[in-house]
Amino acid sequence: MIRAVCWDVGGVFTGSPHDAIAAIAAEHGLTHAQLSGAVFGDLAGERGHPWHELEVGRLSLREAWPLIEERIAAIGIDLSMRDIMRRMGADPFDRSIVHDTAAV
C-alpha cells in the first residue's frame, strides 16, 4: 500500500528556482550567489538556515518565510517569498505531462 508520495516541485512542477533567483538578482544588481544564499542557504545544508529547516520539517512554511525574508532584506532588497514563488511559476516550458502524470 502506498502511504505517501514525495514530489520535487522546483524545476519539475514549476520553473527552476535558480533561474528565477538569477533573474531577480540581476534586476536588483546582486549576484546569483548573494540572493541564493539569502533564500536557500548554502548547498551543504547550512544548519539553522530557515530553508533547510523547512525542508526537514523543523519549521513550517508560515514560520520559515518571514525568516527568509529577513535574510533577503539584510542584503538590501525588499522582496517577498510570494514574489519569488510567483516568478518560479512564470515558466516558459510546457509542464502539462508532469501535471497530468501526477493527477493519475
Protein backbone atom coordinates (compact mmCIF):
# COMPACT_ATOMS: atom_id res chain seq x y z
CA MET A 1 0.00 0.00 0.00
CA ILE A 2 1.31 3.46 -0.90
CA ARG A 3 1.23 5.66 2.17
CA ALA A 4 2.93 8.78 0.86
CA VAL A 5 4.27 10.34 -2.30
CA CYS A 6 7.03 12.96 -2.21
CA TRP A 7 7.32 15.45 -5.03
CA ASP A 8 10.21 17.67 -6.06
CA VAL A 9 8.40 20.85 -7.03
CA GLY A 10 11.04 23.38 -8.16
CA GLY A 11 12.10 22.65 -11.73
CA VAL A 12 9.58 19.82 -12.05
CA PHE A 13 6.08 21.23 -11.46
CA THR A 14 7.30 24.84 -11.73
CA GLY A 15 10.22 26.63 -13.28
CA SER A 16 13.64 26.30 -11.74
CA PRO A 17 14.02 28.29 -8.55
CA HIS A 18 17.61 29.01 -9.58
CA ASP A 19 16.53 30.58 -12.88
CA ALA A 20 14.07 32.80 -11.01
CA ILE A 21 16.71 33.72 -8.41
CA ALA A 22 19.26 34.58 -11.13
CA ALA A 23 16.79 36.86 -12.93
CA ILE A 24 15.64 38.60 -9.74
CA ALA A 25 19.23 39.05 -8.53
CA ALA A 26 20.22 40.67 -11.83
CA GLU A 27 17.25 43.05 -11.63
CA HIS A 28 18.45 44.20 -8.20
CA GLY A 29 22.16 44.42 -9.02
CA LEU A 30 23.03 41.36 -6.94
CA THR A 31 24.85 38.19 -7.84
CA HIS A 32 23.01 34.90 -8.05
CA ALA A 33 25.11 33.68 -5.11
CA GLN A 34 24.06 36.60 -2.89
CA LEU A 35 20.34 36.11 -3.38
CA SER A 36 20.51 32.32 -3.48
CA GLY A 37 22.45 32.32 -0.22
CA ALA A 38 19.84 34.52 1.44
CA VAL A 39 16.91 32.41 0.19
CA PHE A 40 18.28 28.86 0.23
CA GLY A 41 21.46 28.94 2.29
CA ASP A 42 24.49 27.00 1.16
CA LEU A 43 24.32 23.75 -0.79
CA ALA A 44 25.85 21.82 2.10
CA GLY A 45 22.64 22.28 4.06
CA GLU A 46 23.67 25.09 6.39
CA ARG A 47 22.24 24.07 9.75
CA GLY A 48 19.84 26.65 11.03
CA HIS A 49 19.03 28.30 7.70
CA PRO A 50 15.22 28.61 7.52
CA TRP A 51 15.02 26.94 4.07
CA HIS A 52 16.87 23.86 5.30
CA GLU A 53 14.85 23.79 8.50
CA LEU A 54 11.70 23.91 6.34
CA GLU A 55 12.93 21.09 4.10
CA VAL A 56 13.43 18.74 7.03
CA GLY A 57 10.22 19.68 8.82
CA ARG A 58 11.68 21.65 11.72
CA LEU A 59 9.90 24.82 10.56
CA SER A 60 6.55 25.29 8.88
CA LEU A 61 6.17 27.40 5.75
CA ARG A 62 4.46 30.04 7.87
CA GLU A 63 7.48 30.15 10.19
CA ALA A 64 10.21 29.91 7.53
CA TRP A 65 9.12 32.52 5.00
CA PRO A 66 9.38 35.57 7.31
CA LEU A 67 12.82 34.40 8.45
CA ILE A 68 13.96 34.05 4.85
CA GLU A 69 12.50 37.46 4.01
CA GLU A 70 14.61 38.94 6.85
CA ARG A 71 17.72 37.46 5.20
CA ILE A 72 16.67 38.93 1.86
CA ALA A 73 16.15 42.35 3.46
CA ALA A 74 19.61 42.07 5.04
CA ILE A 75 21.18 42.05 1.56
CA GLY A 76 19.34 45.24 0.70
CA ILE A 77 16.22 44.36 -1.25
CA ASP A 78 12.52 44.32 -0.45
CA LEU A 79 11.26 41.03 -1.84
CA SER A 80 8.74 38.54 -0.51
CA MET A 81 8.82 34.79 -0.86
CA ARG A 82 5.47 35.10 -2.64
CA ASP A 83 7.23 37.21 -5.28
CA ILE A 84 9.90 34.54 -5.72
CA MET A 85 7.36 31.72 -5.96
CA ARG A 86 5.31 33.74 -8.44
CA ARG A 87 8.41 34.14 -10.60
CA MET A 88 9.06 30.41 -10.45
CA GLY A 89 5.53 29.88 -11.74
CA ALA A 90 6.20 32.13 -14.75
CA ASP A 91 7.90 29.27 -16.55
CA PRO A 92 8.14 29.22 -20.36
CA PHE A 93 8.08 25.41 -20.56
CA ASP A 94 5.02 23.21 -21.00
CA ARG A 95 4.91 21.03 -17.90
CA SER A 96 1.49 19.52 -18.62
CA ILE A 97 2.92 15.99 -18.90
CA VAL A 98 4.21 16.28 -15.32
CA HIS A 99 0.89 17.64 -14.09
CA ASP A 100 -1.10 15.01 -15.99
CA THR A 101 1.09 12.18 -14.68
CA ALA A 102 0.76 13.41 -11.10
CA ALA A 103 -3.02 13.50 -11.45
CA VAL A 104 -3.19 9.75 -12.15
